[in-house]
Amino acid sequence: MHTAVLVALIIVSLALIVVVLLQSSKSAGLSGAISGGAEQLFGKQKARGMDLILHRTTIVLSILFFILAVAIAKL
């Protein structure tokens, strides 16, 4: 049982790392300041949908990570 939970924890942690790295940053620095006006003018609908999916996936994976970490501690 311990091994199965540990393997699940490793898989969830790797998936969480990948999902966090795929998300776009909120502050893009100087390039974000230059292109930010164009995105506000023309819209950013497709990227916004993907950001929402990645955000929700991050929340689910982080909750699962927490539950698995507590389960490892209890075992």
PDB file of N, CA and C in Angstrom:
ATOM      1  N   MET A   1       0.827  -1.195   0.000  1.00  0.00           N
ATOM      2  CA  MET A   1       0.000   0.000   0.000  1.00  0.00           C
ATOM      3  C   MET A   1       0.875   1.264   0.000  1.00  0.00           C
ATOM      4  N   HIS A   2       1.919   1.221   0.815  1.00  0.00           N
ATOM      5  CA  HIS A   2       2.830   2.361   0.917  1.00  0.00           C
ATOM      6  C   HIS A   2       3.479   2.639  -0.437  1.00  0.00           C
ATOM      7  N   THR A   3       3.881   1.601  -1.137  1.00  0.00           N
ATOM      8  CA  THR A   3       4.544   1.771  -2.426  1.00  0.00           C
ATOM      9  C   THR A   3       3.594   2.365  -3.464  1.00  0.00           C
ATOM     10  N   ALA A   4       2.354   1.929  -3.469  1.00  0.00           N
ATOM     11  CA  ALA A   4       1.378   2.438  -4.429  1.00  0.00           C
ATOM     12  C   ALA A   4       1.103   3.924  -4.190  1.00  0.00           C
ATOM     13  N   VAL A   5       0.981   4.313  -2.920  1.00  0.00           N
ATOM     14  CA  VAL A   5       0.736   5.723  -2.603  1.00  0.00           C
ATOM     15  C   VAL A   5       1.962   6.560  -2.942  1.00  0.00           C
ATOM     16  N   LEU A   6       3.143   6.012  -2.707  1.00  0.00           N
ATOM     17  CA  LEU A   6       4.377   6.727  -3.022  1.00  0.00           C
ATOM     18  C   LEU A   6       4.531   6.938  -4.525  1.00  0.00           C
ATOM     19  N   VAL A   7       4.226   5.917  -5.312  1.00  0.00           N
ATOM     20  CA  VAL A   7       4.295   6.048  -6.768  1.00  0.00           C
ATOM     21  C   VAL A   7       3.271   7.072  -7.257  1.00  0.00           C
ATOM     22  N   ALA A   8       2.062   7.043  -6.695  1.00  0.00           N
ATOM     23  CA  ALA A   8       1.035   8.021  -7.061  1.00  0.00           C
ATOM     24  C   ALA A   8       1.482   9.433  -6.696  1.00  0.00           C
ATOM     25  N   LEU A   9       2.132   9.592  -5.551  1.00  0.00           N
ATOM     26  CA  LEU A   9       2.628  10.901  -5.131  1.00  0.00           C
ATOM     27  C   LEU A   9       3.700  11.417  -6.086  1.00  0.00           C
ATOM     28  N   ILE A  10       4.568  10.562  -6.547  1.00  0.00           N
ATOM     29  CA  ILE A  10       5.613  10.967  -7.490  1.00  0.00           C
ATOM     30  C   ILE A  10       5.001  11.381  -8.822  1.00  0.00           C
ATOM     31  N   ILE A  11       4.030  10.614  -9.294  1.00  0.00           N
ATOM     32  CA  ILE A  11       3.379  10.944 -10.569  1.00  0.00           C
ATOM     33  C   ILE A  11       2.630  12.275 -10.458  1.00  0.00           C
ATOM     34  N   VAL A  12       1.909  12.476  -9.359  1.00  0.00           N
ATOM     35  CA  VAL A  12       1.166  13.719  -9.169  1.00  0.00           C
ATOM     36  C   VAL A  12       2.119  14.901  -9.039  1.00  0.00           C
ATOM     37  N   SER A  13       3.227  14.721  -8.343  1.00  0.00           N
ATOM     38  CA  SER A  13       4.168  15.830  -8.186  1.00  0.00           C
ATOM     39  C   SER A  13       4.813  16.208  -9.517  1.00  0.00           C
ATOM     40  N   LEU A  14       5.147  15.232 -10.352  1.00  0.00           N
ATOM     41  CA  LEU A  14       5.703  15.540 -11.670  1.00  0.00           C
ATOM     42  C   LEU A  14       4.668  16.233 -12.555  1.00  0.00           C
ATOM     43  N   ALA A  15       3.432  15.776 -12.494  1.00  0.00           N
ATOM     44  CA  ALA A  15       2.366  16.412 -13.270  1.00  0.00           C
ATOM     45  C   ALA A  15       2.134  17.840 -12.794  1.00  0.00           C
ATOM     46  N   LEU A  16       2.216  18.061 -11.486  1.00  0.00           N
ATOM     47  CA  LEU A  16       2.031  19.402 -10.935  1.00  0.00           C
ATOM     48  C   LEU A  16       3.146  20.337 -11.401  1.00  0.00           C
ATOM     49  N   ILE A  17       4.362  19.850 -11.438  1.00  0.00           N
ATOM     50  CA  ILE A  17       5.486  20.654 -11.914  1.00  0.00           C
ATOM     51  C   ILE A  17       5.282  21.047 -13.372  1.00  0.00           C
ATOM     52  N   VAL A  18       4.865  20.086 -14.193  1.00  0.00           N
ATOM     53  CA  VAL A  18       4.666  20.353 -15.616  1.00  0.00           C
ATOM     54  C   VAL A  18       3.544  21.370 -15.828  1.00  0.00           C
ATOM     55  N   VAL A  19       2.440  21.209 -15.100  1.00  0.00           N
ATOM     56  CA  VAL A  19       1.303  22.124 -15.271  1.00  0.00           C
ATOM     57  C   VAL A  19       1.664  23.535 -14.827  1.00  0.00           C
ATOM     58  N   VAL A  20       2.410  23.664 -13.749  1.00  0.00           N
ATOM     59  CA  VAL A  20       2.810  24.995 -13.283  1.00  0.00           C
ATOM     60  C   VAL A  20       3.757  25.645 -14.287  1.00  0.00           C
ATOM     61  N   LEU A  21       4.653  24.869 -14.870  1.00  0.00           N
ATOM     62  CA  LEU A  21       5.575  25.439 -15.842  1.00  0.00           C
ATOM     63  C   LEU A  21       4.882  25.817 -17.146  1.00  0.00           C
ATOM     64  N   LEU A  22       3.764  25.189 -17.465  1.00  0.00           N
ATOM     65  CA  LEU A  22       3.034  25.513 -18.688  1.00  0.00           C
ATOM     66  C   LEU A  22       2.219  26.797 -18.568  1.00  0.00           C
ATOM     67  N   GLN A  23       1.953  27.241 -17.357  1.00  0.00           N
ATOM     68  CA  GLN A  23       1.127  28.435 -17.170  1.00  0.00           C
ATOM     69  C   GLN A  23       1.904  29.686 -17.557  1.00  0.00           C
ATOM     70  N   SER A  24       1.167  30.650 -18.082  1.00  0.00           N
ATOM     71  CA  SER A  24       1.804  31.918 -18.422  1.00  0.00           C
ATOM     72  C   SER A  24       1.929  32.764 -17.163  1.00  0.00           C
ATOM     73  N   SER A  25       2.986  33.540 -17.111  1.00  0.00           N
ATOM     74  CA  SER A  25       3.224  34.352 -15.920  1.00  0.00           C
ATOM     75  C   SER A  25       2.330  35.587 -15.944  1.00  0.00           C
ATOM     76  N   LYS A  26       2.034  36.118 -14.778  1.00  0.00           N
ATOM     77  CA  LYS A  26       1.187  37.310 -14.687  1.00  0.00           C
ATOM     78  C   LYS A  26       1.966  38.566 -15.037  1.00  0.00           C
ATOM     79  N   SER A  27       3.233  38.626 -14.670  1.00  0.00           N
ATOM     80  CA  SER A  27       4.048  39.802 -15.001  1.00  0.00           C
ATOM     81  C   SER A  27       5.108  39.367 -16.010  1.00  0.00           C
ATOM     82  N   ALA A  28       4.986  39.827 -17.222  1.00  0.00           N
ATOM     83  CA  ALA A  28       5.908  39.424 -18.278  1.00  0.00           C
ATOM     84  C   ALA A  28       7.058  40.415 -18.441  1.00  0.00           C
ATOM     85  N   GLY A  29       7.156  41.365 -17.542  1.00  0.00           N
ATOM     86  CA  GLY A  29       8.250  42.318 -17.610  1.00  0.00           C
ATOM     87  C   GLY A  29       8.030  43.355 -18.694  1.00  0.00           C
ATOM     88  N   LEU A  30       9.108  43.780 -19.324  1.00  0.00           N
ATOM     89  CA  LEU A  30       9.042  44.828 -20.330  1.00  0.00           C
ATOM     90  C   LEU A  30       8.286  44.376 -21.574  1.00  0.00           C
ATOM     91  N   SER A  31       8.485  43.123 -21.989  1.00  0.00           N
ATOM     92  CA  SER A  31       7.777  42.647 -23.177  1.00  0.00           C
ATOM     93  C   SER A  31       6.278  42.570 -22.928  1.00  0.00           C
ATOM     94  N   GLY A  32       5.868  42.281 -21.704  1.00  0.00           N
ATOM     95  CA  GLY A  32       4.448  42.266 -21.377  1.00  0.00           C
ATOM     96  C   GLY A  32       3.853  43.658 -21.371  1.00  0.00           C
ATOM     97  N   ALA A  33       4.654  44.640 -20.999  1.00  0.00           N
ATOM     98  CA  ALA A  33       4.168  46.022 -20.994  1.00  0.00           C
ATOM     99  C   ALA A  33       3.964  46.526 -22.418  1.00  0.00           C
ATOM    100  N   ILE A  34       4.825  46.101 -23.328  1.00  0.00           N
ATOM    101  CA  ILE A  34       4.712  46.545 -24.717  1.00  0.00           C
ATOM    102  C   ILE A  34       3.544  45.840 -25.413  1.00  0.00           C
ATOM    103  N   SER A  35       3.466  44.518 -25.289  1.00  0.00           N
ATOM    104  CA  SER A  35       2.419  43.768 -25.987  1.00  0.00           C
ATOM    105  C   SER A  35       1.122  43.701 -25.196  1.00  0.00           C
ATOM    106  N   GLY A  36       1.130  44.123 -23.956  1.00  0.00           N
ATOM    107  CA  GLY A  36      -0.075  44.056 -23.133  1.00  0.00           C
ATOM    108  C   GLY A  36      -1.198  44.924 -23.639  1.00  0.00           C
ATOM    109  N   GLY A  37      -0.866  46.078 -24.196  1.00  0.00           N
ATOM    110  CA  GLY A  37      -1.895  46.951 -24.743  1.00  0.00           C
ATOM    111  C   GLY A  37      -2.586  46.336 -25.943  1.00  0.00           C
ATOM    112  N   ALA A  38      -1.822  45.635 -26.772  1.00  0.00           N
ATOM    113  CA  ALA A  38      -2.417  44.988 -27.943  1.00  0.00           C
ATOM    114  C   ALA A  38      -3.337  43.850 -27.525  1.00  0.00           C
ATOM    115  N   GLU A  39      -2.961  43.119 -26.485  1.00  0.00           N
ATOM    116  CA  GLU A  39      -3.802  42.020 -26.024  1.00  0.00           C
ATOM    117  C   GLU A  39      -5.109  42.550 -25.442  1.00  0.00           C
ATOM    118  N   GLN A  40      -5.061  43.692 -24.772  1.00  0.00           N
ATOM    119  CA  GLN A  40      -6.283  44.264 -24.221  1.00  0.00           C
ATOM    120  C   GLN A  40      -7.177  44.813 -25.334  1.00  0.00           C
ATOM    121  N   LEU A  41      -6.557  45.332 -26.385  1.00  0.00           N
ATOM    122  CA  LEU A  41      -7.322  45.915 -27.476  1.00  0.00           C
ATOM    123  C   LEU A  41      -7.991  44.834 -28.326  1.00  0.00           C
ATOM    124  N   PHE A  42      -7.240  43.804 -28.695  1.00  0.00           N
ATOM    125  CA  PHE A  42      -7.755  42.783 -29.599  1.00  0.00           C
ATOM    126  C   PHE A  42      -8.329  41.559 -28.877  1.00  0.00           C
ATOM    127  N   GLY A  43      -8.073  41.422 -27.602  1.00  0.00           N
ATOM    128  CA  GLY A  43      -8.589  40.281 -26.848  1.00  0.00           C
ATOM    129  C   GLY A  43      -7.606  39.125 -26.828  1.00  0.00           C
ATOM    130  N   LYS A  44      -7.832  38.242 -25.904  1.00  0.00           N
ATOM    131  CA  LYS A  44      -6.937  37.105 -25.712  1.00  0.00           C
ATOM    132  C   LYS A  44      -7.789  35.906 -25.307  1.00  0.00           C
ATOM    133  N   GLN A  45      -8.801  35.582 -26.084  1.00  0.00           N
ATOM    134  CA  GLN A  45      -9.793  34.590 -25.689  1.00  0.00           C
ATOM    135  C   GLN A  45      -9.235  33.165 -25.666  1.00  0.00           C
ATOM    136  N   LYS A  46      -8.483  32.769 -26.691  1.00  0.00           N
ATOM    137  CA  LYS A  46      -7.991  31.394 -26.748  1.00  0.00           C
ATOM    138  C   LYS A  46      -7.011  31.115 -25.628  1.00  0.00           C
ATOM    139  N   ALA A  47      -6.116  32.032 -25.373  1.00  0.00           N
ATOM    140  CA  ALA A  47      -5.128  31.846 -24.306  1.00  0.00           C
ATOM    141  C   ALA A  47      -5.806  31.872 -22.944  1.00  0.00           C
ATOM    142  N   ARG A  48      -6.864  32.653 -22.798  1.00  0.00           N
ATOM    143  CA  ARG A  48      -7.566  32.745 -21.530  1.00  0.00           C
ATOM    144  C   ARG A  48      -8.231  31.406 -21.191  1.00  0.00           C
ATOM    145  N   GLY A  49      -8.792  30.730 -22.183  1.00  0.00           N
ATOM    146  CA  GLY A  49      -9.418  29.426 -21.955  1.00  0.00           C
ATOM    147  C   GLY A  49      -8.402  28.389 -21.512  1.00  0.00           C
ATOM    148  N   MET A  50      -7.238  28.388 -22.141  1.00  0.00           N
ATOM    149  CA  MET A  50      -6.191  27.440 -21.768  1.00  0.00           C
ATOM    150  C   MET A  50      -5.648  27.762 -20.389  1.00  0.00           C
ATOM    151  N   ASP A  51      -5.521  29.041 -20.059  1.00  0.00           N
ATOM    152  CA  ASP A  51      -5.064  29.427 -18.723  1.00  0.00           C
ATOM    153  C   ASP A  51      -6.049  28.970 -17.657  1.00  0.00           C
ATOM    154  N   LEU A  52      -7.334  29.032 -17.958  1.00  0.00           N
ATOM    155  CA  LEU A  52      -8.352  28.589 -17.011  1.00  0.00           C
ATOM    156  C   LEU A  52      -8.266  27.084 -16.781  1.00  0.00           C
ATOM    157  N   ILE A  53      -8.068  26.327 -17.849  1.00  0.00           N
ATOM    158  CA  ILE A  53      -7.930  24.868 -17.715  1.00  0.00           C
ATOM    159  C   ILE A  53      -6.689  24.529 -16.909  1.00  0.00           C
ATOM    160  N   LEU A  54      -5.570  25.197 -17.192  1.00  0.00           N
ATOM    161  CA  LEU A  54      -4.337  24.936 -16.452  1.00  0.00           C
ATOM    162  C   LEU A  54      -4.473  25.339 -14.988  1.00  0.00           C
ATOM    163  N   HIS A  55      -5.195  26.422 -14.727  1.00  0.00           N
ATOM    164  CA  HIS A  55      -5.407  26.867 -13.347  1.00  0.00           C
ATOM    165  C   HIS A  55      -6.217  25.834 -12.563  1.00  0.00           C
ATOM    166  N   ARG A  56      -7.289  25.353 -13.155  1.00  0.00           N
ATOM    167  CA  ARG A  56      -8.121  24.350 -12.478  1.00  0.00           C
ATOM    168  C   ARG A  56      -7.378  23.039 -12.293  1.00  0.00           C
ATOM    169  N   THR A  57      -6.583  22.653 -13.284  1.00  0.00           N
ATOM    170  CA  THR A  57      -5.779  21.435 -13.165  1.00  0.00           C
ATOM    171  C   THR A  57      -4.759  21.572 -12.050  1.00  0.00           C
ATOM    172  N   THR A  58      -4.173  22.753 -11.910  1.00  0.00           N
ATOM    173  CA  THR A  58      -3.216  23.003 -10.833  1.00  0.00           C
ATOM    174  C   THR A  58      -3.876  22.857  -9.470  1.00  0.00           C
ATOM    175  N   ILE A  59      -5.083  23.367  -9.333  1.00  0.00           N
ATOM    176  CA  ILE A  59      -5.801  23.265  -8.059  1.00  0.00           C
ATOM    177  C   ILE A  59      -6.097  21.813  -7.721  1.00  0.00           C
ATOM    178  N   VAL A  60      -6.580  21.052  -8.703  1.00  0.00           N
ATOM    179  CA  VAL A  60      -6.906  19.641  -8.462  1.00  0.00           C
ATOM    180  C   VAL A  60      -5.653  18.848  -8.106  1.00  0.00           C
ATOM    181  N   LEU A  61      -4.572  19.072  -8.856  1.00  0.00           N
ATOM    182  CA  LEU A  61      -3.339  18.341  -8.575  1.00  0.00           C
ATOM    183  C   LEU A  61      -2.737  18.722  -7.225  1.00  0.00           C
ATOM    184  N   SER A  62      -2.852  19.982  -6.837  1.00  0.00           N
ATOM    185  CA  SER A  62      -2.297  20.382  -5.544  1.00  0.00           C
ATOM    186  C   SER A  62      -3.097  19.781  -4.383  1.00  0.00           C
ATOM    187  N   ILE A  63      -4.408  19.697  -4.525  1.00  0.00           N
ATOM    188  CA  ILE A  63      -5.222  19.055  -3.487  1.00  0.00           C
ATOM    189  C   ILE A  63      -4.889  17.570  -3.409  1.00  0.00           C
ATOM    190  N   LEU A  64      -4.749  16.929  -4.574  1.00  0.00           N
ATOM    191  CA  LEU A  64      -4.385  15.512  -4.601  1.00  0.00           C
ATOM    192  C   LEU A  64      -2.999  15.291  -4.011  1.00  0.00           C
ATOM    193  N   PHE A  65      -2.070  16.202  -4.293  1.00  0.00           N
ATOM    194  CA  PHE A  65      -0.722  16.108  -3.726  1.00  0.00           C
ATOM    195  C   PHE A  65      -0.767  16.189  -2.199  1.00  0.00           C
ATOM    196  N   PHE A  66      -1.557  17.115  -1.683  1.00  0.00           N
ATOM    197  CA  PHE A  66      -1.677  17.273  -0.233  1.00  0.00           C
ATOM    198  C   PHE A  66      -2.267  16.013   0.411  1.00  0.00           C
ATOM    199  N   ILE A  67      -3.308  15.463  -0.194  1.00  0.00           N
ATOM    200  CA  ILE A  67      -3.944  14.260   0.352  1.00  0.00           C
ATOM    201  C   ILE A  67      -2.976  13.090   0.337  1.00  0.00           C
ATOM    202  N   LEU A  68      -2.241  12.933  -0.758  1.00  0.00           N
ATOM    203  CA  LEU A  68      -1.277  11.824  -0.845  1.00  0.00           C
ATOM    204  C   LEU A  68      -0.111  12.015   0.125  1.00  0.00           C
ATOM    205  N   ALA A  69       0.323  13.254   0.331  1.00  0.00           N
ATOM    206  CA  ALA A  69       1.397  13.510   1.291  1.00  0.00           C
ATOM    207  C   ALA A  69       0.957  13.168   2.713  1.00  0.00           C
ATOM    208  N   VAL A  70      -0.266  13.504   3.044  1.00  0.00           N
ATOM    209  CA  VAL A  70      -0.798  13.157   4.377  1.00  0.00           C
ATOM    210  C   VAL A  70      -0.945  11.641   4.491  1.00  0.00           C
ATOM    211  N   ALA A  71      -1.366  10.974   3.417  1.00  0.00           N
ATOM    212  CA  ALA A  71      -1.505   9.518   3.450  1.00  0.00           C
ATOM    213  C   ALA A  71      -0.161   8.847   3.643  1.00  0.00           C
ATOM    214  N   ILE A  72       0.880   9.367   3.013  1.00  0.00           N
ATOM    215  CA  ILE A  72       2.236   8.809   3.195  1.00  0.00           C
ATOM    216  C   ILE A  72       2.672   8.981   4.643  1.00  0.00           C
ATOM    217  N   ALA A  73       2.368  10.124   5.229  1.00  0.00           N
ATOM    218  CA  ALA A  73       2.766  10.382   6.616  1.00  0.00           C
ATOM    219  C   ALA A  73       2.029   9.444   7.570  1.00  0.00           C
ATOM    220  N   LYS A  74       0.775   9.134   7.274  1.00  0.00           N
ATOM    221  CA  LYS A  74       0.001   8.249   8.151  1.00  0.00           C
ATOM    222  C   LYS A  74       0.423   6.793   8.015  1.00  0.00           C
ATOM    223  N   LEU A  75       0.882   6.400   6.825  1.00  0.00           N
ATOM    224  CA  LEU A  75       1.333   5.018   6.630  1.00  0.00           C
ATOM    225  C   LEU A  75       2.715   4.880   7.185  1.00  0.00           C
TER     226      LEU A  75
END
